[in-house]
Amino acid sequence: RAEEGNISYSLNQNIKKPGEHVFI
């Protein structure tokens, strides 16, 4: 998030499948 060209960066966990994670 602190990088010059970054607009947004997040980690998200699937509510129904707790092992599934997505970086957006």
mmCIF file of all heavy atoms, coordinates in Angstrom:
data_MODEL
# 
_entry.id   MODEL 
# 
loop_
_atom_site.group_PDB 
_atom_site.id 
_atom_site.type_symbol 
_atom_site.label_atom_id 
_atom_site.label_alt_id 
_atom_site.label_comp_id 
_atom_site.label_asym_id 
_atom_site.label_entity_id 
_atom_site.label_seq_id 
_atom_site.pdbx_PDB_ins_code 
_atom_site.Cartn_x 
_atom_site.Cartn_y 
_atom_site.Cartn_z 
_atom_site.occupancy 
_atom_site.B_iso_or_equiv 
_atom_site.pdbx_formal_charge 
_atom_site.auth_seq_id 
_atom_site.auth_comp_id 
_atom_site.auth_asym_id 
_atom_site.auth_atom_id 
_atom_site.pdbx_PDB_model_num 
ATOM 1   N N   . ARG A 1 1  ? 0.827   -1.218  0.000  1.00 0.00 ? 1  ARG A N   1 
ATOM 2   C CA  . ARG A 1 1  ? 0.000   0.000   0.000  1.00 0.00 ? 1  ARG A CA  1 
ATOM 3   C C   . ARG A 1 1  ? 0.857   1.263   0.000  1.00 0.00 ? 1  ARG A C   1 
ATOM 4   O O   . ARG A 1 1  ? 0.436   2.305   -0.490 1.00 0.00 ? 1  ARG A O   1 
ATOM 5   C CB  . ARG A 1 1  ? -0.911  0.017   1.222  1.00 0.00 ? 1  ARG A CB  1 
ATOM 6   C CG  . ARG A 1 1  ? -2.079  -0.932  1.116  1.00 0.00 ? 1  ARG A CG  1 
ATOM 7   C CD  . ARG A 1 1  ? -2.913  -0.896  2.372  1.00 0.00 ? 1  ARG A CD  1 
ATOM 8   N NE  . ARG A 1 1  ? -4.068  -1.783  2.273  1.00 0.00 ? 1  ARG A NE  1 
ATOM 9   C CZ  . ARG A 1 1  ? -4.828  -2.116  3.296  1.00 0.00 ? 1  ARG A CZ  1 
ATOM 10  N NH1 . ARG A 1 1  ? -4.573  -1.633  4.511  1.00 0.00 ? 1  ARG A NH1 1 
ATOM 11  N NH2 . ARG A 1 1  ? -5.845  -2.927  3.120  1.00 0.00 ? 1  ARG A NH2 1 
ATOM 12  N N   . ALA A 1 2  ? 2.060   1.176   0.553  1.00 0.00 ? 2  ALA A N   1 
ATOM 13  C CA  . ALA A 1 2  ? 2.951   2.339   0.649  1.00 0.00 ? 2  ALA A CA  1 
ATOM 14  C C   . ALA A 1 2  ? 3.746   2.588   -0.634 1.00 0.00 ? 2  ALA A C   1 
ATOM 15  O O   . ALA A 1 2  ? 4.408   3.614   -0.757 1.00 0.00 ? 2  ALA A O   1 
ATOM 16  C CB  . ALA A 1 2  ? 3.908   2.157   1.831  1.00 0.00 ? 2  ALA A CB  1 
ATOM 17  N N   . GLU A 1 3  ? 3.655   1.677   -1.594 1.00 0.00 ? 3  GLU A N   1 
ATOM 18  C CA  . GLU A 1 3  ? 4.412   1.831   -2.832 1.00 0.00 ? 3  GLU A CA  1 
ATOM 19  C C   . GLU A 1 3  ? 3.843   2.964   -3.685 1.00 0.00 ? 3  GLU A C   1 
ATOM 20  O O   . GLU A 1 3  ? 2.640   3.209   -3.692 1.00 0.00 ? 3  GLU A O   1 
ATOM 21  C CB  . GLU A 1 3  ? 4.406   0.529   -3.629 1.00 0.00 ? 3  GLU A CB  1 
ATOM 22  C CG  . GLU A 1 3  ? 5.227   -0.563  -2.969 1.00 0.00 ? 3  GLU A CG  1 
ATOM 23  C CD  . GLU A 1 3  ? 5.203   -1.846  -3.785 1.00 0.00 ? 3  GLU A CD  1 
ATOM 24  O OE1 . GLU A 1 3  ? 5.431   -1.779  -5.004 1.00 0.00 ? 3  GLU A OE1 1 
ATOM 25  O OE2 . GLU A 1 3  ? 4.948   -2.906  -3.178 1.00 0.00 ? 3  GLU A OE2 1 
ATOM 26  N N   . GLU A 1 4  ? 4.727   3.600   -4.426 1.00 0.00 ? 4  GLU A N   1 
ATOM 27  C CA  . GLU A 1 4  ? 4.390   4.761   -5.252 1.00 0.00 ? 4  GLU A CA  1 
ATOM 28  C C   . GLU A 1 4  ? 3.220   4.508   -6.193 1.00 0.00 ? 4  GLU A C   1 
ATOM 29  O O   . GLU A 1 4  ? 2.297   5.301   -6.255 1.00 0.00 ? 4  GLU A O   1 
ATOM 30  C CB  . GLU A 1 4  ? 5.622   5.183   -6.075 1.00 0.00 ? 4  GLU A CB  1 
ATOM 31  C CG  . GLU A 1 4  ? 5.381   6.291   -7.053 1.00 0.00 ? 4  GLU A CG  1 
ATOM 32  C CD  . GLU A 1 4  ? 5.431   7.658   -6.423 1.00 0.00 ? 4  GLU A CD  1 
ATOM 33  O OE1 . GLU A 1 4  ? 6.058   7.801   -5.360 1.00 0.00 ? 4  GLU A OE1 1 
ATOM 34  O OE2 . GLU A 1 4  ? 4.840   8.582   -7.004 1.00 0.00 ? 4  GLU A OE2 1 
ATOM 35  N N   . GLY A 1 5  ? 3.217   3.426   -6.931 1.00 0.00 ? 5  GLY A N   1 
ATOM 36  C CA  . GLY A 1 5  ? 2.190   3.202   -7.940 1.00 0.00 ? 5  GLY A CA  1 
ATOM 37  C C   . GLY A 1 5  ? 0.978   2.424   -7.470 1.00 0.00 ? 5  GLY A C   1 
ATOM 38  O O   . GLY A 1 5  ? 0.114   2.063   -8.270 1.00 0.00 ? 5  GLY A O   1 
ATOM 39  N N   . ASN A 1 6  ? 0.890   2.167   -6.167 1.00 0.00 ? 6  ASN A N   1 
ATOM 40  C CA  . ASN A 1 6  ? -0.245  1.393   -5.651 1.00 0.00 ? 6  ASN A CA  1 
ATOM 41  C C   . ASN A 1 6  ? -1.446  2.284   -5.405 1.00 0.00 ? 6  ASN A C   1 
ATOM 42  O O   . ASN A 1 6  ? -1.329  3.363   -4.840 1.00 0.00 ? 6  ASN A O   1 
ATOM 43  C CB  . ASN A 1 6  ? 0.131   0.660   -4.364 1.00 0.00 ? 6  ASN A CB  1 
ATOM 44  C CG  . ASN A 1 6  ? -1.026  -0.177  -3.844 1.00 0.00 ? 6  ASN A CG  1 
ATOM 45  O OD1 . ASN A 1 6  ? -1.748  0.234   -2.956 1.00 0.00 ? 6  ASN A OD1 1 
ATOM 46  N ND2 . ASN A 1 6  ? -1.200  -1.337  -4.441 1.00 0.00 ? 6  ASN A ND2 1 
ATOM 47  N N   . ILE A 1 7  ? -2.613  1.815   -5.820 1.00 0.00 ? 7  ILE A N   1 
ATOM 48  C CA  . ILE A 1 7  ? -3.867  2.517   -5.564 1.00 0.00 ? 7  ILE A CA  1 
ATOM 49  C C   . ILE A 1 7  ? -4.591  1.855   -4.394 1.00 0.00 ? 7  ILE A C   1 
ATOM 50  O O   . ILE A 1 7  ? -5.088  2.524   -3.497 1.00 0.00 ? 7  ILE A O   1 
ATOM 51  C CB  . ILE A 1 7  ? -4.736  2.538   -6.838 1.00 0.00 ? 7  ILE A CB  1 
ATOM 52  C CG1 . ILE A 1 7  ? -3.992  3.307   -7.929 1.00 0.00 ? 7  ILE A CG1 1 
ATOM 53  C CG2 . ILE A 1 7  ? -6.108  3.136   -6.546 1.00 0.00 ? 7  ILE A CG2 1 
ATOM 54  C CD1 . ILE A 1 7  ? -4.560  3.144   -9.313 1.00 0.00 ? 7  ILE A CD1 1 
ATOM 55  N N   . SER A 1 8  ? -4.640  0.527   -4.398 1.00 0.00 ? 8  SER A N   1 
ATOM 56  C CA  . SER A 1 8  ? -5.213  -0.208  -3.261 1.00 0.00 ? 8  SER A CA  1 
ATOM 57  C C   . SER A 1 8  ? -4.669  -1.633  -3.261 1.00 0.00 ? 8  SER A C   1 
ATOM 58  O O   . SER A 1 8  ? -4.232  -2.149  -4.299 1.00 0.00 ? 8  SER A O   1 
ATOM 59  C CB  . SER A 1 8  ? -6.744  -0.216  -3.320 1.00 0.00 ? 8  SER A CB  1 
ATOM 60  O OG  . SER A 1 8  ? -7.196  -1.013  -4.391 1.00 0.00 ? 8  SER A OG  1 
ATOM 61  N N   . TYR A 1 9  ? -4.714  -2.252  -2.082 1.00 0.00 ? 9  TYR A N   1 
ATOM 62  C CA  . TYR A 1 9  ? -4.166  -3.603  -1.920 1.00 0.00 ? 9  TYR A CA  1 
ATOM 63  C C   . TYR A 1 9  ? -4.828  -4.200  -0.689 1.00 0.00 ? 9  TYR A C   1 
ATOM 64  O O   . TYR A 1 9  ? -4.749  -3.624  0.403  1.00 0.00 ? 9  TYR A O   1 
ATOM 65  C CB  . TYR A 1 9  ? -2.656  -3.508  -1.699 1.00 0.00 ? 9  TYR A CB  1 
ATOM 66  C CG  . TYR A 1 9  ? -1.876  -4.773  -1.953 1.00 0.00 ? 9  TYR A CG  1 
ATOM 67  C CD1 . TYR A 1 9  ? -1.056  -4.885  -3.067 1.00 0.00 ? 9  TYR A CD1 1 
ATOM 68  C CD2 . TYR A 1 9  ? -1.935  -5.853  -1.079 1.00 0.00 ? 9  TYR A CD2 1 
ATOM 69  C CE1 . TYR A 1 9  ? -0.306  -6.029  -3.306 1.00 0.00 ? 9  TYR A CE1 1 
ATOM 70  C CE2 . TYR A 1 9  ? -1.190  -7.004  -1.318 1.00 0.00 ? 9  TYR A CE2 1 
ATOM 71  C CZ  . TYR A 1 9  ? -0.377  -7.081  -2.432 1.00 0.00 ? 9  TYR A CZ  1 
ATOM 72  O OH  . TYR A 1 9  ? 0.361   -8.219  -2.671 1.00 0.00 ? 9  TYR A OH  1 
ATOM 73  N N   . SER A 1 10 ? -5.518  -5.315  -0.854 1.00 0.00 ? 10 SER A N   1 
ATOM 74  C CA  . SER A 1 10 ? -6.187  -5.926  0.292  1.00 0.00 ? 10 SER A CA  1 
ATOM 75  C C   . SER A 1 10 ? -6.151  -7.439  0.198  1.00 0.00 ? 10 SER A C   1 
ATOM 76  O O   . SER A 1 10 ? -6.026  -8.015  -0.893 1.00 0.00 ? 10 SER A O   1 
ATOM 77  C CB  . SER A 1 10 ? -7.641  -5.454  0.396  1.00 0.00 ? 10 SER A CB  1 
ATOM 78  O OG  . SER A 1 10 ? -8.387  -5.914  -0.716 1.00 0.00 ? 10 SER A OG  1 
ATOM 79  N N   . LEU A 1 11 ? -6.276  -8.086  1.345  1.00 0.00 ? 11 LEU A N   1 
ATOM 80  C CA  . LEU A 1 11 ? -6.422  -9.535  1.424  1.00 0.00 ? 11 LEU A CA  1 
ATOM 81  C C   . LEU A 1 11 ? -7.841  -9.811  1.884  1.00 0.00 ? 11 LEU A C   1 
ATOM 82  O O   . LEU A 1 11 ? -8.315  -9.204  2.851  1.00 0.00 ? 11 LEU A O   1 
ATOM 83  C CB  . LEU A 1 11 ? -5.419  -10.132 2.413  1.00 0.00 ? 11 LEU A CB  1 
ATOM 84  C CG  . LEU A 1 11 ? -5.574  -11.642 2.642  1.00 0.00 ? 11 LEU A CG  1 
ATOM 85  C CD1 . LEU A 1 11 ? -5.308  -12.431 1.359  1.00 0.00 ? 11 LEU A CD1 1 
ATOM 86  C CD2 . LEU A 1 11 ? -4.642  -12.104 3.755  1.00 0.00 ? 11 LEU A CD2 1 
ATOM 87  N N   . ASN A 1 12 ? -8.514  -10.732 1.211  1.00 0.00 ? 12 ASN A N   1 
ATOM 88  C CA  . ASN A 1 12 ? -9.908  -11.047 1.493  1.00 0.00 ? 12 ASN A CA  1 
ATOM 89  C C   . ASN A 1 12 ? -10.073 -12.548 1.667  1.00 0.00 ? 12 ASN A C   1 
ATOM 90  O O   . ASN A 1 12 ? -9.467  -13.336 0.929  1.00 0.00 ? 12 ASN A O   1 
ATOM 91  C CB  . ASN A 1 12 ? -10.784 -10.555 0.339  1.00 0.00 ? 12 ASN A CB  1 
ATOM 92  C CG  . ASN A 1 12 ? -10.543 -9.087  0.057  1.00 0.00 ? 12 ASN A CG  1 
ATOM 93  O OD1 . ASN A 1 12 ? -11.189 -8.244  0.627  1.00 0.00 ? 12 ASN A OD1 1 
ATOM 94  N ND2 . ASN A 1 12 ? -9.577  -8.783  -0.805 1.00 0.00 ? 12 ASN A ND2 1 
ATOM 95  N N   . GLN A 1 13 ? -10.893 -12.949 2.632  1.00 0.00 ? 13 GLN A N   1 
ATOM 96  C CA  . GLN A 1 13 ? -11.141 -14.364 2.923  1.00 0.00 ? 13 GLN A CA  1 
ATOM 97  C C   . GLN A 1 13 ? -12.573 -14.713 2.524  1.00 0.00 ? 13 GLN A C   1 
ATOM 98  O O   . GLN A 1 13 ? -13.522 -13.989 2.865  1.00 0.00 ? 13 GLN A O   1 
ATOM 99  C CB  . GLN A 1 13 ? -10.934 -14.622 4.421  1.00 0.00 ? 13 GLN A CB  1 
ATOM 100 C CG  . GLN A 1 13 ? -11.127 -16.062 4.837  1.00 0.00 ? 13 GLN A CG  1 
ATOM 101 C CD  . GLN A 1 13 ? -10.933 -16.236 6.339  1.00 0.00 ? 13 GLN A CD  1 
ATOM 102 O OE1 . GLN A 1 13 ? -11.184 -15.326 7.134  1.00 0.00 ? 13 GLN A OE1 1 
ATOM 103 N NE2 . GLN A 1 13 ? -10.472 -17.410 6.731  1.00 0.00 ? 13 GLN A NE2 1 
ATOM 104 N N   . ASN A 1 14 ? -12.734 -15.816 1.823  1.00 0.00 ? 14 ASN A N   1 
ATOM 105 C CA  . ASN A 1 14 ? -14.050 -16.299 1.420  1.00 0.00 ? 14 ASN A CA  1 
ATOM 106 C C   . ASN A 1 14 ? -14.833 -16.704 2.668  1.00 0.00 ? 14 ASN A C   1 
ATOM 107 O O   . ASN A 1 14 ? -14.353 -17.479 3.495  1.00 0.00 ? 14 ASN A O   1 
ATOM 108 C CB  . ASN A 1 14 ? -13.905 -17.493 0.473  1.00 0.00 ? 14 ASN A CB  1 
ATOM 109 C CG  . ASN A 1 14 ? -15.209 -17.951 -0.126 1.00 0.00 ? 14 ASN A CG  1 
ATOM 110 O OD1 . ASN A 1 14 ? -16.247 -18.000 0.532  1.00 0.00 ? 14 ASN A OD1 1 
ATOM 111 N ND2 . ASN A 1 14 ? -15.156 -18.323 -1.391 1.00 0.00 ? 14 ASN A ND2 1 
ATOM 112 N N   . ILE A 1 15 ? -16.029 -16.184 2.832  1.00 0.00 ? 15 ILE A N   1 
ATOM 113 C CA  . ILE A 1 15 ? -16.848 -16.448 4.012  1.00 0.00 ? 15 ILE A CA  1 
ATOM 114 C C   . ILE A 1 15 ? -17.265 -17.916 4.080  1.00 0.00 ? 15 ILE A C   1 
ATOM 115 O O   . ILE A 1 15 ? -17.266 -18.513 5.151  1.00 0.00 ? 15 ILE A O   1 
ATOM 116 C CB  . ILE A 1 15 ? -18.082 -15.521 4.024  1.00 0.00 ? 15 ILE A CB  1 
ATOM 117 C CG1 . ILE A 1 15 ? -17.623 -14.077 4.241  1.00 0.00 ? 15 ILE A CG1 1 
ATOM 118 C CG2 . ILE A 1 15 ? -19.090 -15.939 5.089  1.00 0.00 ? 15 ILE A CG2 1 
ATOM 119 C CD1 . ILE A 1 15 ? -18.715 -13.041 4.058  1.00 0.00 ? 15 ILE A CD1 1 
ATOM 120 N N   . LYS A 1 16 ? -17.588 -18.504 2.936  1.00 0.00 ? 16 LYS A N   1 
ATOM 121 C CA  . LYS A 1 16 ? -18.068 -19.886 2.922  1.00 0.00 ? 16 LYS A CA  1 
ATOM 122 C C   . LYS A 1 16 ? -16.948 -20.918 2.829  1.00 0.00 ? 16 LYS A C   1 
ATOM 123 O O   . LYS A 1 16 ? -17.142 -22.082 3.159  1.00 0.00 ? 16 LYS A O   1 
ATOM 124 C CB  . LYS A 1 16 ? -19.056 -20.090 1.772  1.00 0.00 ? 16 LYS A CB  1 
ATOM 125 C CG  . LYS A 1 16 ? -20.345 -19.320 1.970  1.00 0.00 ? 16 LYS A CG  1 
ATOM 126 C CD  . LYS A 1 16 ? -21.328 -19.626 0.865  1.00 0.00 ? 16 LYS A CD  1 
ATOM 127 C CE  . LYS A 1 16 ? -22.624 -18.858 1.106  1.00 0.00 ? 16 LYS A CE  1 
ATOM 128 N NZ  . LYS A 1 16 ? -23.610 -19.116 0.056  1.00 0.00 ? 16 LYS A NZ  1 
ATOM 129 N N   . LYS A 1 17 ? -15.781 -20.500 2.353  1.00 0.00 ? 17 LYS A N   1 
ATOM 130 C CA  . LYS A 1 17 ? -14.615 -21.388 2.224  1.00 0.00 ? 17 LYS A CA  1 
ATOM 131 C C   . LYS A 1 17 ? -13.435 -20.692 2.892  1.00 0.00 ? 17 LYS A C   1 
ATOM 132 O O   . LYS A 1 17 ? -12.660 -20.000 2.241  1.00 0.00 ? 17 LYS A O   1 
ATOM 133 C CB  . LYS A 1 17 ? -14.293 -21.643 0.752  1.00 0.00 ? 17 LYS A CB  1 
ATOM 134 C CG  . LYS A 1 17 ? -15.413 -22.278 -0.035 1.00 0.00 ? 17 LYS A CG  1 
ATOM 135 C CD  . LYS A 1 17 ? -14.990 -22.372 -1.495 1.00 0.00 ? 17 LYS A CD  1 
ATOM 136 C CE  . LYS A 1 17 ? -16.159 -22.608 -2.402 1.00 0.00 ? 17 LYS A CE  1 
ATOM 137 N NZ  . LYS A 1 17 ? -15.781 -22.485 -3.812 1.00 0.00 ? 17 LYS A NZ  1 
ATOM 138 N N   . PRO A 1 18 ? -13.272 -20.849 4.199  1.00 0.00 ? 18 PRO A N   1 
ATOM 139 C CA  . PRO A 1 18 ? -12.279 -20.077 4.957  1.00 0.00 ? 18 PRO A CA  1 
ATOM 140 C C   . PRO A 1 18 ? -10.836 -20.195 4.461  1.00 0.00 ? 18 PRO A C   1 
ATOM 141 O O   . PRO A 1 18 ? -10.038 -19.290 4.677  1.00 0.00 ? 18 PRO A O   1 
ATOM 142 C CB  . PRO A 1 18 ? -12.410 -20.618 6.374  1.00 0.00 ? 18 PRO A CB  1 
ATOM 143 C CG  . PRO A 1 18 ? -13.755 -21.247 6.438  1.00 0.00 ? 18 PRO A CG  1 
ATOM 144 C CD  . PRO A 1 18 ? -14.061 -21.718 5.056  1.00 0.00 ? 18 PRO A CD  1 
ATOM 145 N N   . GLY A 1 19 ? -10.504 -21.266 3.777  1.00 0.00 ? 19 GLY A N   1 
ATOM 146 C CA  . GLY A 1 19 ? -9.139  -21.406 3.268  1.00 0.00 ? 19 GLY A CA  1 
ATOM 147 C C   . GLY A 1 19 ? -8.875  -20.587 2.013  1.00 0.00 ? 19 GLY A C   1 
ATOM 148 O O   . GLY A 1 19 ? -7.731  -20.306 1.674  1.00 0.00 ? 19 GLY A O   1 
ATOM 149 N N   . GLU A 1 20 ? -9.928  -20.194 1.329  1.00 0.00 ? 20 GLU A N   1 
ATOM 150 C CA  . GLU A 1 20 ? -9.774  -19.437 0.086  1.00 0.00 ? 20 GLU A CA  1 
ATOM 151 C C   . GLU A 1 20 ? -9.553  -17.954 0.389  1.00 0.00 ? 20 GLU A C   1 
ATOM 152 O O   . GLU A 1 20 ? -10.367 -17.320 1.040  1.00 0.00 ? 20 GLU A O   1 
ATOM 153 C CB  . GLU A 1 20 ? -11.028 -19.618 -0.783 1.00 0.00 ? 20 GLU A CB  1 
ATOM 154 C CG  . GLU A 1 20 ? -10.888 -18.989 -2.153 1.00 0.00 ? 20 GLU A CG  1 
ATOM 155 C CD  . GLU A 1 20 ? -12.101 -19.284 -3.007 1.00 0.00 ? 20 GLU A CD  1 
ATOM 156 O OE1 . GLU A 1 20 ? -12.250 -20.420 -3.462 1.00 0.00 ? 20 GLU A OE1 1 
ATOM 157 O OE2 . GLU A 1 20 ? -12.914 -18.345 -3.173 1.00 0.00 ? 20 GLU A OE2 1 
ATOM 158 N N   . HIS A 1 21 ? -8.433  -17.451 -0.081 1.00 0.00 ? 21 HIS A N   1 
ATOM 159 C CA  . HIS A 1 21 ? -8.064  -16.051 0.126  1.00 0.00 ? 21 HIS A CA  1 
ATOM 160 C C   . HIS A 1 21 ? -7.767  -15.405 -1.223 1.00 0.00 ? 21 HIS A C   1 
ATOM 161 O O   . HIS A 1 21 ? -7.216  -16.051 -2.118 1.00 0.00 ? 21 HIS A O   1 
ATOM 162 C CB  . HIS A 1 21 ? -6.820  -15.958 1.024  1.00 0.00 ? 21 HIS A CB  1 
ATOM 163 C CG  . HIS A 1 21 ? -7.090  -16.297 2.442  1.00 0.00 ? 21 HIS A CG  1 
ATOM 164 N ND1 . HIS A 1 21 ? -7.382  -17.577 2.853  1.00 0.00 ? 21 HIS A ND1 1 
ATOM 165 C CD2 . HIS A 1 21 ? -7.124  -15.523 3.549  1.00 0.00 ? 21 HIS A CD2 1 
ATOM 166 C CE1 . HIS A 1 21 ? -7.579  -17.574 4.163  1.00 0.00 ? 21 HIS A CE1 1 
ATOM 167 N NE2 . HIS A 1 21 ? -7.420  -16.345 4.608  1.00 0.00 ? 21 HIS A NE2 1 
ATOM 168 N N   . VAL A 1 22 ? -8.110  -14.133 -1.335 1.00 0.00 ? 22 VAL A N   1 
ATOM 169 C CA  . VAL A 1 22 ? -7.888  -13.397 -2.570 1.00 0.00 ? 22 VAL A CA  1 
ATOM 170 C C   . VAL A 1 22 ? -7.222  -12.059 -2.248 1.00 0.00 ? 22 VAL A C   1 
ATOM 171 O O   . VAL A 1 22 ? -7.725  -11.294 -1.427 1.00 0.00 ? 22 VAL A O   1 
ATOM 172 C CB  . VAL A 1 22 ? -9.214  -13.153 -3.326 1.00 0.00 ? 22 VAL A CB  1 
ATOM 173 C CG1 . VAL A 1 22 ? -8.976  -12.353 -4.589 1.00 0.00 ? 22 VAL A CG1 1 
ATOM 174 C CG2 . VAL A 1 22 ? -9.900  -14.463 -3.652 1.00 0.00 ? 22 VAL A CG2 1 
ATOM 175 N N   . PHE A 1 23 ? -6.091  -11.823 -2.881 1.00 0.00 ? 23 PHE A N   1 
ATOM 176 C CA  . PHE A 1 23 ? -5.480  -10.493 -2.849 1.00 0.00 ? 23 PHE A CA  1 
ATOM 177 C C   . PHE A 1 23 ? -6.126  -9.714  -3.981 1.00 0.00 ? 23 PHE A C   1 
ATOM 178 O O   . PHE A 1 23 ? -6.157  -10.175 -5.127 1.00 0.00 ? 23 PHE A O   1 
ATOM 179 C CB  . PHE A 1 23 ? -3.971  -10.565 -3.094 1.00 0.00 ? 23 PHE A CB  1 
ATOM 180 C CG  . PHE A 1 23 ? -3.193  -11.168 -1.967 1.00 0.00 ? 23 PHE A CG  1 
ATOM 181 C CD1 . PHE A 1 23 ? -2.915  -12.527 -1.944 1.00 0.00 ? 23 PHE A CD1 1 
ATOM 182 C CD2 . PHE A 1 23 ? -2.723  -10.377 -0.931 1.00 0.00 ? 23 PHE A CD2 1 
ATOM 183 C CE1 . PHE A 1 23 ? -2.180  -13.087 -0.918 1.00 0.00 ? 23 PHE A CE1 1 
ATOM 184 C CE2 . PHE A 1 23 ? -1.981  -10.932 0.105  1.00 0.00 ? 23 PHE A CE2 1 
ATOM 185 C CZ  . PHE A 1 23 ? -1.715  -12.289 0.117  1.00 0.00 ? 23 PHE A CZ  1 
ATOM 186 N N   . ILE A 1 24 ? -6.657  -8.540  -3.678 1.00 0.00 ? 24 ILE A N   1 
ATOM 187 C CA  . ILE A 1 24 ? -7.216  -7.659  -4.700 1.00 0.00 ? 24 ILE A CA  1 
ATOM 188 C C   . ILE A 1 24 ? -6.357  -6.401  -4.706 1.00 0.00 ? 24 ILE A C   1 
ATOM 189 O O   . ILE A 1 24 ? -6.249  -5.708  -3.691 1.00 0.00 ? 24 ILE A O   1 
ATOM 190 C CB  . ILE A 1 24 ? -8.695  -7.337  -4.432 1.00 0.00 ? 24 ILE A CB  1 
ATOM 191 C CG1 . ILE A 1 24 ? -9.517  -8.643  -4.411 1.00 0.00 ? 24 ILE A CG1 1 
ATOM 192 C CG2 . ILE A 1 24 ? -9.224  -6.359  -5.481 1.00 0.00 ? 24 ILE A CG2 1 
ATOM 193 C CD1 . ILE A 1 24 ? -10.967 -8.463  -4.051 1.00 0.00 ? 24 ILE A CD1 1 
# 
